């Protein structure tokens, strides 16, 4: 009799355990479905922040993790699933996402921002001719794109208008900061060609790049570096501006050789834990670093 009772208790424990496990699996499946049912994605952390502010601070995920290089990003299986489950994807365009462009179309709705911008053309002295994808480096272009993003969601227009006004105020502040640099010192040398729109907007002259390309994935030749060293000496450029994403070994070596500082800017990604956690903070920080380096302050 004792054995029979013990056996019955064991059976009941197993049944209860199985029932609980099945319930957890079912709940987990429901949870996953809910998480992906109303997802808005942006391909980069920069555009995720801009989109969130435009749409009344709703949660917008970044496909590419903050701190990762958008030029070298490769989507994982999970990223593919996120794209397939997204209601809206905000993409830069202009070939920035060429490595996974076909996956973007799996979302319910896709906004390609480059389609709404007059893109800067790259001349033949670069390794890669074409259009410059770094248009987010001009706040006035971003201000116009805020209204493009807002058109794709039924949210309060006042949020988009307020954020657009904030970006135009940012533009005015940057112009005031740049005005403190003597005109003959507004010379930029960059790691790769990421500051073209910024330079055009605020009156800088980009005299050379360590990597003569629109992407950080290219490699400079010895001849490129020798020519750039001569250009820096001839123009009196005061600094080399790189990106916090790395790929700066050649720039660092060149700066040490010429005795000028190498300064890391944030151009393609945000830093959630630092003072560049938003697009506006990123642009202010970059401008401060540039002004300090070129004005001698």
C-alpha atoms as a PDB file:
ATOM      1  CA  UNK A   1       0.000   0.000   0.000  1.00  0.00           C
ATOM      2  CA  UNK A   2       2.811   2.406   0.907  1.00  0.00           C
ATOM      3  CA  UNK A   3       4.490   1.770  -2.457  1.00  0.00           C
ATOM      4  CA  UNK A   4       1.240   2.458  -4.301  1.00  0.00           C
ATOM      5  CA  UNK A   5       0.721   5.781  -2.468  1.00  0.00           C
ATOM      6  CA  UNK A   6       4.345   6.825  -3.128  1.00  0.00           C
ATOM      7  CA  UNK A   7       3.970   5.976  -6.786  1.00  0.00           C
ATOM      8  CA  UNK A   8       0.776   8.006  -7.027  1.00  0.00           C
ATOM      9  CA  UNK A   9       2.485  10.986  -5.399  1.00  0.00           C
ATOM     10  CA  UNK A  10       5.378  10.719  -7.858  1.00  0.00           C
ATOM     11  CA  UNK A  11       2.977  10.600 -10.811  1.00  0.00           C
ATOM     12  CA  UNK A  12       1.132  13.686  -9.535  1.00  0.00           C
ATOM     13  CA  UNK A  13       4.420  15.583  -9.088  1.00  0.00           C
ATOM     14  CA  UNK A  14       5.512  14.739 -12.643  1.00  0.00           C
ATOM     15  CA  UNK A  15       2.119  15.720 -14.049  1.00  0.00           C
ATOM     16  CA  UNK A  16       2.166  19.014 -12.158  1.00  0.00           C
ATOM     17  CA  UNK A  17       5.698  19.729 -13.324  1.00  0.00           C
ATOM     18  CA  UNK A  18       4.809  18.992 -16.941  1.00  0.00           C
ATOM     19  CA  UNK A  19       1.733  21.170 -16.710  1.00  0.00           C
ATOM     20  CA  UNK A  20       3.774  24.081 -15.361  1.00  0.00           C
ATOM     21  CA  UNK A  21       6.452  23.634 -18.014  1.00  0.00           C
ATOM     22  CA  UNK A  22       3.883  23.600 -20.803  1.00  0.00           C
ATOM     23  CA  UNK A  23       2.285  26.731 -19.378  1.00  0.00           C
ATOM     24  CA  UNK A  24       5.634  28.533 -19.337  1.00  0.00           C
ATOM     25  CA  UNK A  25       6.304  27.525 -22.926  1.00  0.00           C
ATOM     26  CA  UNK A  26       2.891  28.793 -23.967  1.00  0.00           C
ATOM     27  CA  UNK A  27       3.368  32.085 -22.122  1.00  0.00           C
ATOM     28  CA  UNK A  28       6.819  32.480 -23.582  1.00  0.00           C
ATOM     29  CA  UNK A  29       5.442  31.979 -27.081  1.00  0.00           C
ATOM     30  CA  UNK A  30       2.753  34.604 -26.469  1.00  0.00           C
ATOM     31  CA  UNK A  31       5.317  37.030 -25.077  1.00  0.00           C
ATOM     32  CA  UNK A  32       7.592  36.684 -28.109  1.00  0.00           C
ATOM     33  CA  UNK A  33       4.690  37.304 -30.426  1.00  0.00           C
ATOM     34  CA  UNK A  34       3.684  40.466 -28.574  1.00  0.00           C
ATOM     35  CA  UNK A  35       7.216  41.854 -28.571  1.00  0.00           C
ATOM     36  CA  UNK A  36       7.540  41.646 -32.328  1.00  0.00           C
ATOM     37  CA  UNK A  37       3.992  42.722 -33.183  1.00  0.00           C
ATOM     38  CA  UNK A  38       4.588  46.484 -33.040  1.00  0.00           C
ATOM     39  CA  UNK A  39       8.320  46.863 -33.617  1.00  0.00           C
ATOM     40  CA  UNK A  40       9.872  49.949 -35.185  1.00  0.00           C
ATOM     41  CA  UNK A  41      13.490  49.541 -36.229  1.00  0.00           C
ATOM     42  CA  UNK A  42      16.134  51.905 -37.558  1.00  0.00           C
ATOM     43  CA  UNK A  43      19.280  50.541 -39.113  1.00  0.00           C
ATOM     44  CA  UNK A  44      21.649  52.652 -36.980  1.00  0.00           C
ATOM     45  CA  UNK A  45      21.562  54.007 -33.438  1.00  0.00           C
ATOM     46  CA  UNK A  46      21.704  57.549 -34.843  1.00  0.00           C
ATOM     47  CA  UNK A  47      18.516  57.095 -36.857  1.00  0.00           C
ATOM     48  CA  UNK A  48      16.872  55.156 -34.008  1.00  0.00           C
ATOM     49  CA  UNK A  49      17.319  58.156 -31.715  1.00  0.00           C
ATOM     50  CA  UNK A  50      16.111  60.618 -34.347  1.00  0.00           C
ATOM     51  CA  UNK A  51      13.074  58.463 -35.137  1.00  0.00           C
ATOM     52  CA  UNK A  52      12.199  58.058 -31.459  1.00  0.00           C
ATOM     53  CA  UNK A  53      12.255  61.819 -30.843  1.00  0.00           C
ATOM     54  CA  UNK A  54      10.238  62.417 -34.000  1.00  0.00           C
ATOM     55  CA  UNK A  55       7.522  59.966 -32.933  1.00  0.00           C
ATOM     56  CA  UNK A  56       6.961  61.330 -29.410  1.00  0.00           C
ATOM     57  CA  UNK A  57       9.765  59.316 -27.740  1.00  0.00           C
ATOM     58  CA  UNK A  58       8.341  55.895 -28.542  1.00  0.00           C
ATOM     59  CA  UNK A  59      10.759  52.983 -28.337  1.00  0.00           C
ATOM     60  CA  UNK A  60      12.742  52.510 -31.543  1.00  0.00           C
ATOM     61  CA  UNK A  61      15.306  49.724 -31.687  1.00  0.00           C
ATOM     62  CA  UNK A  62      18.580  49.957 -33.579  1.00  0.00           C
ATOM     63  CA  UNK A  63      19.354  47.045 -35.863  1.00  0.00           C
ATOM     64  CA  UNK A  64      23.079  47.748 -35.521  1.00  0.00           C
ATOM     65  CA  UNK A  65      24.136  47.863 -31.881  1.00  0.00           C
ATOM     66  CA  UNK A  66      25.532  51.176 -30.595  1.00  0.00           C
ATOM     67  CA  UNK A  67      29.297  51.173 -30.890  1.00  0.00           C
ATOM     68  CA  UNK A  68      29.309  48.980 -34.003  1.00  0.00           C
ATOM     69  CA  UNK A  69      30.493  50.137 -37.407  1.00  0.00           C
ATOM     70  CA  UNK A  70      27.584  50.410 -39.872  1.00  0.00           C
ATOM     71  CA  UNK A  71      30.026  49.951 -42.749  1.00  0.00           C
ATOM     72  CA  UNK A  72      31.081  46.467 -41.611  1.00  0.00           C
ATOM     73  CA  UNK A  73      27.861  45.211 -40.024  1.00  0.00           C
ATOM     74  CA  UNK A  74      26.587  41.751 -40.960  1.00  0.00           C
ATOM     75  CA  UNK A  75      23.050  40.773 -39.850  1.00  0.00           C
ATOM     76  CA  UNK A  76      22.685  37.792 -37.541  1.00  0.00           C
ATOM     77  CA  UNK A  77      19.834  35.281 -37.706  1.00  0.00           C
ATOM     78  CA  UNK A  78      18.110  37.150 -34.879  1.00  0.00           C
ATOM     79  CA  UNK A  79      18.487  40.432 -36.783  1.00  0.00           C
ATOM     80  CA  UNK A  80      16.857  38.841 -39.810  1.00  0.00           C
ATOM     81  CA  UNK A  81      13.934  37.788 -37.627  1.00  0.00           C
ATOM     82  CA  UNK A  82      13.654  41.292 -36.190  1.00  0.00           C
ATOM     83  CA  UNK A  83      13.450  42.760 -39.684  1.00  0.00           C
ATOM     84  CA  UNK A  84      10.814  40.263 -40.754  1.00  0.00           C
ATOM     85  CA  UNK A  85       8.689  41.121 -37.709  1.00  0.00           C
ATOM     86  CA  UNK A  86       9.069  44.895 -37.934  1.00  0.00           C
ATOM     87  CA  UNK A  87       6.123  47.114 -38.769  1.00  0.00           C
ATOM     88  CA  UNK A  88       8.407  49.957 -39.869  1.00  0.00           C
ATOM     89  CA  UNK A  89      12.105  50.116 -40.736  1.00  0.00           C
ATOM     90  CA  UNK A  90      13.896  53.451 -41.128  1.00  0.00           C
ATOM     91  CA  UNK A  91      17.001  53.030 -43.292  1.00  0.00           C
ATOM     92  CA  UNK A  92      19.703  55.473 -44.329  1.00  0.00           C
ATOM     93  CA  UNK A  93      20.082  54.343 -47.930  1.00  0.00           C
ATOM     94  CA  UNK A  94      22.764  55.683 -50.314  1.00  0.00           C
ATOM     95  CA  UNK A  95      24.470  52.262 -50.225  1.00  0.00           C
ATOM     96  CA  UNK A  96      25.145  52.307 -46.455  1.00  0.00           C
ATOM     97  CA  UNK A  97      23.067  49.139 -46.055  1.00  0.00           C
ATOM     98  CA  UNK A  98      24.032  47.467 -49.334  1.00  0.00           C
ATOM     99  CA  UNK A  99      25.324  44.367 -47.514  1.00  0.00           C
ATOM    100  CA  UNK A 100      21.813  43.489 -46.366  1.00  0.00           C
ATOM    101  CA  UNK A 101      19.528  45.692 -48.489  1.00  0.00           C
ATOM    102  CA  UNK A 102      17.385  42.744 -49.585  1.00  0.00           C
ATOM    103  CA  UNK A 103      16.491  41.963 -45.958  1.00  0.00           C
ATOM    104  CA  UNK A 104      15.115  45.447 -45.346  1.00  0.00           C
ATOM    105  CA  UNK A 105      12.242  44.798 -47.714  1.00  0.00           C
ATOM    106  CA  UNK A 106      10.926  41.997 -45.474  1.00  0.00           C
ATOM    107  CA  UNK A 107       9.500  44.603 -43.071  1.00  0.00           C
ATOM    108  CA  UNK A 108       5.883  45.710 -43.409  1.00  0.00           C
ATOM    109  CA  UNK A 109       6.984  49.237 -44.298  1.00  0.00           C
ATOM    110  CA  UNK A 110      10.383  50.642 -45.295  1.00  0.00           C
ATOM    111  CA  UNK A 111      11.480  54.289 -45.340  1.00  0.00           C
ATOM    112  CA  UNK A 112      14.732  54.978 -47.209  1.00  0.00           C
ATOM    113  CA  UNK A 113      15.797  58.450 -46.117  1.00  0.00           C
ATOM    114  CA  UNK A 114      18.348  58.998 -48.889  1.00  0.00           C
ATOM    115  CA  UNK A 115      15.451  59.068 -51.349  1.00  0.00           C
ATOM    116  CA  UNK A 116      14.458  62.412 -49.821  1.00  0.00           C
ATOM    117  CA  UNK A 117      17.897  64.093 -49.805  1.00  0.00           C
ATOM    118  CA  UNK A 118      19.987  65.841 -52.437  1.00  0.00           C
ATOM    119  CA  UNK A 119      23.064  63.679 -51.998  1.00  0.00           C
ATOM    120  CA  UNK A 120      26.613  64.944 -52.079  1.00  0.00           C
ATOM    121  CA  UNK A 121      28.578  63.607 -55.037  1.00  0.00           C
ATOM    122  CA  UNK A 122      32.066  62.206 -54.546  1.00  0.00           C
ATOM    123  CA  UNK A 123      34.691  63.221 -57.065  1.00  0.00           C
ATOM    124  CA  UNK A 124      37.013  60.933 -58.994  1.00  0.00           C
ATOM    125  CA  UNK A 125      39.974  61.476 -56.639  1.00  0.00           C
ATOM    126  CA  UNK A 126      38.456  58.900 -54.279  1.00  0.00           C
ATOM    127  CA  UNK A 127      38.883  55.171 -54.580  1.00  0.00           C
ATOM    128  CA  UNK A 128      35.100  54.850 -54.858  1.00  0.00           C
ATOM    129  CA  UNK A 129      33.060  57.313 -56.893  1.00  0.00           C
ATOM    130  CA  UNK A 130      29.419  57.809 -56.046  1.00  0.00           C
ATOM    131  CA  UNK A 131      27.200  59.459 -53.468  1.00  0.00           C
ATOM    132  CA  UNK A 132      28.036  60.246 -49.863  1.00  0.00           C
ATOM    133  CA  UNK A 133      25.742  58.454 -47.363  1.00  0.00           C
ATOM    134  CA  UNK A 134      26.743  60.505 -44.286  1.00  0.00           C
ATOM    135  CA  UNK A 135      24.023  63.158 -44.679  1.00  0.00           C
ATOM    136  CA  UNK A 136      23.022  62.913 -41.002  1.00  0.00           C
ATOM    137  CA  UNK A 137      26.098  65.040 -40.266  1.00  0.00           C
ATOM    138  CA  UNK A 138      24.097  68.100 -41.427  1.00  0.00           C
ATOM    139  CA  UNK A 139      21.351  68.876 -38.861  1.00  0.00           C
ATOM    140  CA  UNK A 140      19.326  70.875 -41.387  1.00  0.00           C
ATOM    141  CA  UNK A 141      18.977  67.815 -43.601  1.00  0.00           C
ATOM    142  CA  UNK A 142      17.941  65.762 -40.578  1.00  0.00           C
ATOM    143  CA  UNK A 143      15.380  68.442 -39.678  1.00  0.00           C
ATOM    144  CA  UNK A 144      13.752  67.999 -43.082  1.00  0.00           C
ATOM    145  CA  UNK A 145      13.818  64.212 -42.736  1.00  0.00           C
ATOM    146  CA  UNK A 146      12.019  64.402 -39.398  1.00  0.00           C
ATOM    147  CA  UNK A 147       8.889  65.388 -41.288  1.00  0.00           C
ATOM    148  CA  UNK A 148       9.416  62.512 -43.737  1.00  0.00           C
ATOM    149  CA  UNK A 149       9.572  60.035 -40.855  1.00  0.00           C
ATOM    150  CA  UNK A 150       6.537  61.604 -39.182  1.00  0.00           C
ATOM    151  CA  UNK A 151       4.476  61.072 -42.329  1.00  0.00           C
ATOM    152  CA  UNK A 152       4.814  57.304 -41.866  1.00  0.00           C
ATOM    153  CA  UNK A 153       3.236  57.159 -38.417  1.00  0.00           C
ATOM    154  CA  UNK A 154      -0.001  58.458 -36.957  1.00  0.00           C
ATOM    155  CA  UNK A 155       1.492  60.359 -34.027  1.00  0.00           C
ATOM    156  CA  UNK A 156       1.197  63.910 -32.773  1.00  0.00           C
ATOM    157  CA  UNK A 157       2.610  66.346 -35.321  1.00  0.00           C
ATOM    158  CA  UNK A 158       3.643  68.601 -32.448  1.00  0.00           C
ATOM    159  CA  UNK A 159       6.390  66.131 -31.445  1.00  0.00           C
ATOM    160  CA  UNK A 160       7.945  66.171 -34.905  1.00  0.00           C
ATOM    161  CA  UNK A 161       7.656  69.956 -35.149  1.00  0.00           C
ATOM    162  CA  UNK A 162       9.238  70.472 -31.728  1.00  0.00           C
ATOM    163  CA  UNK A 163      12.121  68.147 -32.557  1.00  0.00           C
ATOM    164  CA  UNK A 164      12.620  69.829 -35.929  1.00  0.00           C
ATOM    165  CA  UNK A 165      12.877  73.175 -34.110  1.00  0.00           C
ATOM    166  CA  UNK A 166      15.438  71.656 -31.731  1.00  0.00           C
ATOM    167  CA  UNK A 167      17.551  70.532 -34.687  1.00  0.00           C
ATOM    168  CA  UNK A 168      17.407  73.970 -36.299  1.00  0.00           C
ATOM    169  CA  UNK A 169      18.503  75.489 -32.980  1.00  0.00           C
ATOM    170  CA  UNK A 170      21.353  72.962 -32.917  1.00  0.00           C
ATOM    171  CA  UNK A 171      22.368  74.097 -36.396  1.00  0.00           C
ATOM    172  CA  UNK A 172      22.496  77.724 -35.243  1.00  0.00           C
ATOM    173  CA  UNK A 173      24.553  76.779 -32.176  1.00  0.00           C
ATOM    174  CA  UNK A 174      27.057  74.834 -34.274  1.00  0.00           C
ATOM    175  CA  UNK A 175      27.424  77.769 -36.663  1.00  0.00           C
ATOM    176  CA  UNK A 176      28.126  80.081 -33.708  1.00  0.00           C
ATOM    177  CA  UNK A 177      30.733  77.706 -32.318  1.00  0.00           C
ATOM    178  CA  UNK A 178      32.455  77.322 -35.688  1.00  0.00           C
ATOM    179  CA  UNK A 179      32.551  81.113 -36.104  1.00  0.00           C
ATOM    180  CA  UNK A 180      35.172  81.240 -33.331  1.00  0.00           C
ATOM    181  CA  UNK A 181      37.662  79.399 -35.566  1.00  0.00           C
ATOM    182  CA  UNK A 182      39.701  81.720 -37.817  1.00  0.00           C
ATOM    183  CA  UNK A 183      38.624  81.091 -41.434  1.00  0.00           C
ATOM    184  CA  UNK A 184      42.120  80.045 -42.518  1.00  0.00           C
ATOM    185  CA  UNK A 185      42.157  77.351 -39.816  1.00  0.00           C
ATOM    186  CA  UNK A 186      38.888  75.661 -40.835  1.00  0.00           C
ATOM    187  CA  UNK A 187      40.751  72.755 -42.385  1.00  0.00           C
ATOM    188  CA  UNK A 188      39.721  69.146 -41.823  1.00  0.00           C
ATOM    189  CA  UNK A 189      41.680  65.939 -42.301  1.00  0.00           C
ATOM    190  CA  UNK A 190      39.554  62.874 -41.619  1.00  0.00           C
ATOM    191  CA  UNK A 191      40.064  59.146 -41.320  1.00  0.00           C
ATOM    192  CA  UNK A 192      37.483  58.378 -44.000  1.00  0.00           C
ATOM    193  CA  UNK A 193      35.208  60.749 -45.879  1.00  0.00           C
ATOM    194  CA  UNK A 194      32.502  61.131 -43.228  1.00  0.00           C
ATOM    195  CA  UNK A 195      32.449  64.901 -42.642  1.00  0.00           C
ATOM    196  CA  UNK A 196      31.627  66.162 -46.129  1.00  0.00           C
ATOM    197  CA  UNK A 197      28.097  67.337 -45.308  1.00  0.00           C
ATOM    198  CA  UNK A 198      29.278  68.897 -42.039  1.00  0.00           C
ATOM    199  CA  UNK A 199      32.069  70.710 -43.885  1.00  0.00           C
ATOM    200  CA  UNK A 200      29.760  71.970 -46.623  1.00  0.00           C
ATOM    201  CA  UNK A 201      27.251  73.277 -44.093  1.00  0.00           C
ATOM    202  CA  UNK A 202      29.696  75.076 -41.794  1.00  0.00           C
ATOM    203  CA  UNK A 203      32.406  76.305 -44.140  1.00  0.00           C
ATOM    204  CA  UNK A 204      35.240  73.824 -43.625  1.00  0.00           C
ATOM    205  CA  UNK A 205      37.650  72.564 -46.256  1.00  0.00           C
ATOM    206  CA  UNK A 206      38.310  68.808 -46.168  1.00  0.00           C
ATOM    207  CA  UNK A 207      41.825  68.678 -47.613  1.00  0.00           C
ATOM    208  CA  UNK A 208      42.375  64.939 -47.282  1.00  0.00           C
ATOM    209  CA  UNK A 209      41.383  61.590 -45.819  1.00  0.00           C
ATOM    210  CA  UNK A 210      43.574  58.807 -44.466  1.00  0.00           C
ATOM    211  CA  UNK A 211      41.287  56.257 -46.110  1.00  0.00           C
ATOM    212  CA  UNK A 212      40.321  57.765 -49.491  1.00  0.00           C
ATOM    213  CA  UNK A 213      36.904  56.152 -49.438  1.00  0.00           C
ATOM    214  CA  UNK A 214      33.334  56.472 -48.194  1.00  0.00           C
ATOM    215  CA  UNK A 215      33.744  53.343 -46.075  1.00  0.00           C
ATOM    216  CA  UNK A 216      36.024  52.414 -43.189  1.00  0.00           C
ATOM    217  CA  UNK A 217      36.546  48.992 -44.784  1.00  0.00           C
ATOM    218  CA  UNK A 218      38.979  50.292 -47.425  1.00  0.00           C
ATOM    219  CA  UNK A 219      42.743  50.432 -46.887  1.00  0.00           C
ATOM    220  CA  UNK A 220      45.095  53.343 -47.661  1.00  0.00           C
ATOM    221  CA  UNK A 221      48.191  52.772 -49.734  1.00  0.00           C
ATOM    222  CA  UNK A 222      51.673  53.988 -48.843  1.00  0.00           C
ATOM    223  CA  UNK A 223      51.402  56.494 -51.688  1.00  0.00           C
ATOM    224  CA  UNK A 224      48.083  57.793 -50.300  1.00  0.00           C
ATOM    225  CA  UNK A 225      49.642  58.350 -46.883  1.00  0.00           C
ATOM    226  CA  UNK A 226      52.731  60.047 -48.309  1.00  0.00           C
ATOM    227  CA  UNK A 227      50.577  62.420 -50.357  1.00  0.00           C
ATOM    228  CA  UNK A 228      48.390  63.170 -47.347  1.00  0.00           C
ATOM    229  CA  UNK A 229      51.422  63.963 -45.180  1.00  0.00           C
ATOM    230  CA  UNK A 230      52.542  66.524 -47.756  1.00  0.00           C
ATOM    231  CA  UNK A 231      49.052  68.017 -47.885  1.00  0.00           C
ATOM    232  CA  UNK A 232      48.870  68.347 -44.101  1.00  0.00           C
ATOM    233  CA  UNK A 233      52.214  70.110 -43.967  1.00  0.00           C
ATOM    234  CA  UNK A 234      51.354  72.391 -46.893  1.00  0.00           C
ATOM    235  CA  UNK A 235      47.946  73.425 -45.540  1.00  0.00           C
ATOM    236  CA  UNK A 236      48.893  73.644 -41.884  1.00  0.00           C
ATOM    237  CA  UNK A 237      46.104  71.299 -40.822  1.00  0.00           C
ATOM    238  CA  UNK A 238      46.107  71.132 -37.035  1.00  0.00           C
ATOM    239  CA  UNK A 239      44.585  67.702 -36.383  1.00  0.00           C
ATOM    240  CA  UNK A 240      43.407  64.423 -37.870  1.00  0.00           C
ATOM    241  CA  UNK A 241      39.825  63.490 -36.997  1.00  0.00           C
ATOM    242  CA  UNK A 242      39.011  59.796 -36.768  1.00  0.00           C
ATOM    243  CA  UNK A 243      36.005  57.808 -35.537  1.00  0.00           C
ATOM    244  CA  UNK A 244      35.545  56.085 -32.194  1.00  0.00           C
ATOM    245  CA  UNK A 245      34.812  52.903 -34.132  1.00  0.00           C
ATOM    246  CA  UNK A 246      38.518  52.235 -34.642  1.00  0.00           C
ATOM    247  CA  UNK A 247      40.214  51.579 -38.000  1.00  0.00           C
ATOM    248  CA  UNK A 248      42.571  54.404 -37.013  1.00  0.00           C
ATOM    249  CA  UNK A 249      46.016  52.796 -36.818  1.00  0.00           C
ATOM    250  CA  UNK A 250      47.281  54.592 -39.935  1.00  0.00           C
ATOM    251  CA  UNK A 251      45.829  57.904 -38.783  1.00  0.00           C
ATOM    252  CA  UNK A 252      47.467  57.526 -35.373  1.00  0.00           C
ATOM    253  CA  UNK A 253      50.842  56.724 -36.920  1.00  0.00           C
ATOM    254  CA  UNK A 254      50.565  59.681 -39.292  1.00  0.00           C
ATOM    255  CA  UNK A 255      49.636  62.053 -36.491  1.00  0.00           C
ATOM    256  CA  UNK A 256      52.602  60.920 -34.399  1.00  0.00           C
ATOM    257  CA  UNK A 257      54.922  61.328 -37.353  1.00  0.00           C
ATOM    258  CA  UNK A 258      53.736  64.889 -38.049  1.00  0.00           C
ATOM    259  CA  UNK A 259      53.313  65.916 -34.417  1.00  0.00           C
ATOM    260  CA  UNK A 260      49.606  66.734 -34.612  1.00  0.00           C
ATOM    261  CA  UNK A 261      46.784  65.341 -32.460  1.00  0.00           C
ATOM    262  CA  UNK A 262      44.486  62.554 -33.602  1.00  0.00           C
ATOM    263  CA  UNK A 263      40.992  63.166 -32.244  1.00  0.00           C
ATOM    264  CA  UNK A 264      38.176  60.613 -32.228  1.00  0.00           C
ATOM    265  CA  UNK A 265      34.706  61.841 -33.159  1.00  0.00           C
ATOM    266  CA  UNK A 266      31.397  60.000 -33.081  1.00  0.00           C
ATOM    267  CA  UNK A 267      30.099  59.955 -36.638  1.00  0.00           C
ATOM    268  CA  UNK A 268      28.186  56.732 -37.209  1.00  0.00           C
ATOM    269  CA  UNK A 269      27.022  55.504 -33.812  1.00  0.00           C
ATOM    270  CA  UNK A 270      25.889  56.772 -30.422  1.00  0.00           C
ATOM    271  CA  UNK A 271      27.268  55.990 -26.967  1.00  0.00           C
ATOM    272  CA  UNK A 272      24.322  55.233 -24.648  1.00  0.00           C
ATOM    273  CA  UNK A 273      26.506  55.361 -21.534  1.00  0.00           C
ATOM    274  CA  UNK A 274      28.416  58.552 -22.356  1.00  0.00           C
ATOM    275  CA  UNK A 275      27.894  62.180 -23.347  1.00  0.00           C
ATOM    276  CA  UNK A 276      26.935  61.206 -26.902  1.00  0.00           C
ATOM    277  CA  UNK A 277      23.814  59.218 -26.123  1.00  0.00           C
ATOM    278  CA  UNK A 278      21.595  61.232 -28.478  1.00  0.00           C
ATOM    279  CA  UNK A 279      22.061  62.679 -31.945  1.00  0.00           C
ATOM    280  CA  UNK A 280      21.987  66.245 -30.605  1.00  0.00           C
ATOM    281  CA  UNK A 281      24.607  65.429 -27.956  1.00  0.00           C
ATOM    282  CA  UNK A 282      26.764  63.698 -30.568  1.00  0.00           C
ATOM    283  CA  UNK A 283      26.767  66.725 -32.850  1.00  0.00           C
ATOM    284  CA  UNK A 284      27.510  69.156 -30.020  1.00  0.00           C
ATOM    285  CA  UNK A 285      30.341  66.966 -28.750  1.00  0.00           C
ATOM    286  CA  UNK A 286      31.869  66.615 -32.208  1.00  0.00           C
ATOM    287  CA  UNK A 287      31.702  70.355 -32.802  1.00  0.00           C
ATOM    288  CA  UNK A 288      33.311  71.116 -29.446  1.00  0.00           C
ATOM    289  CA  UNK A 289      36.199  68.757 -30.206  1.00  0.00           C
ATOM    290  CA  UNK A 290      36.713  70.248 -33.663  1.00  0.00           C
ATOM    291  CA  UNK A 291      36.555  73.841 -32.432  1.00  0.00           C
ATOM    292  CA  UNK A 292      38.969  73.169 -29.565  1.00  0.00           C
ATOM    293  CA  UNK A 293      41.454  71.466 -31.885  1.00  0.00           C
ATOM    294  CA  UNK A 294      41.391  74.041 -34.663  1.00  0.00           C
ATOM    295  CA  UNK A 295      41.135  77.239 -32.640  1.00  0.00           C
ATOM    296  CA  UNK A 296      43.961  76.322 -30.293  1.00  0.00           C
ATOM    297  CA  UNK A 297      41.794  76.691 -27.186  1.00  0.00           C
END
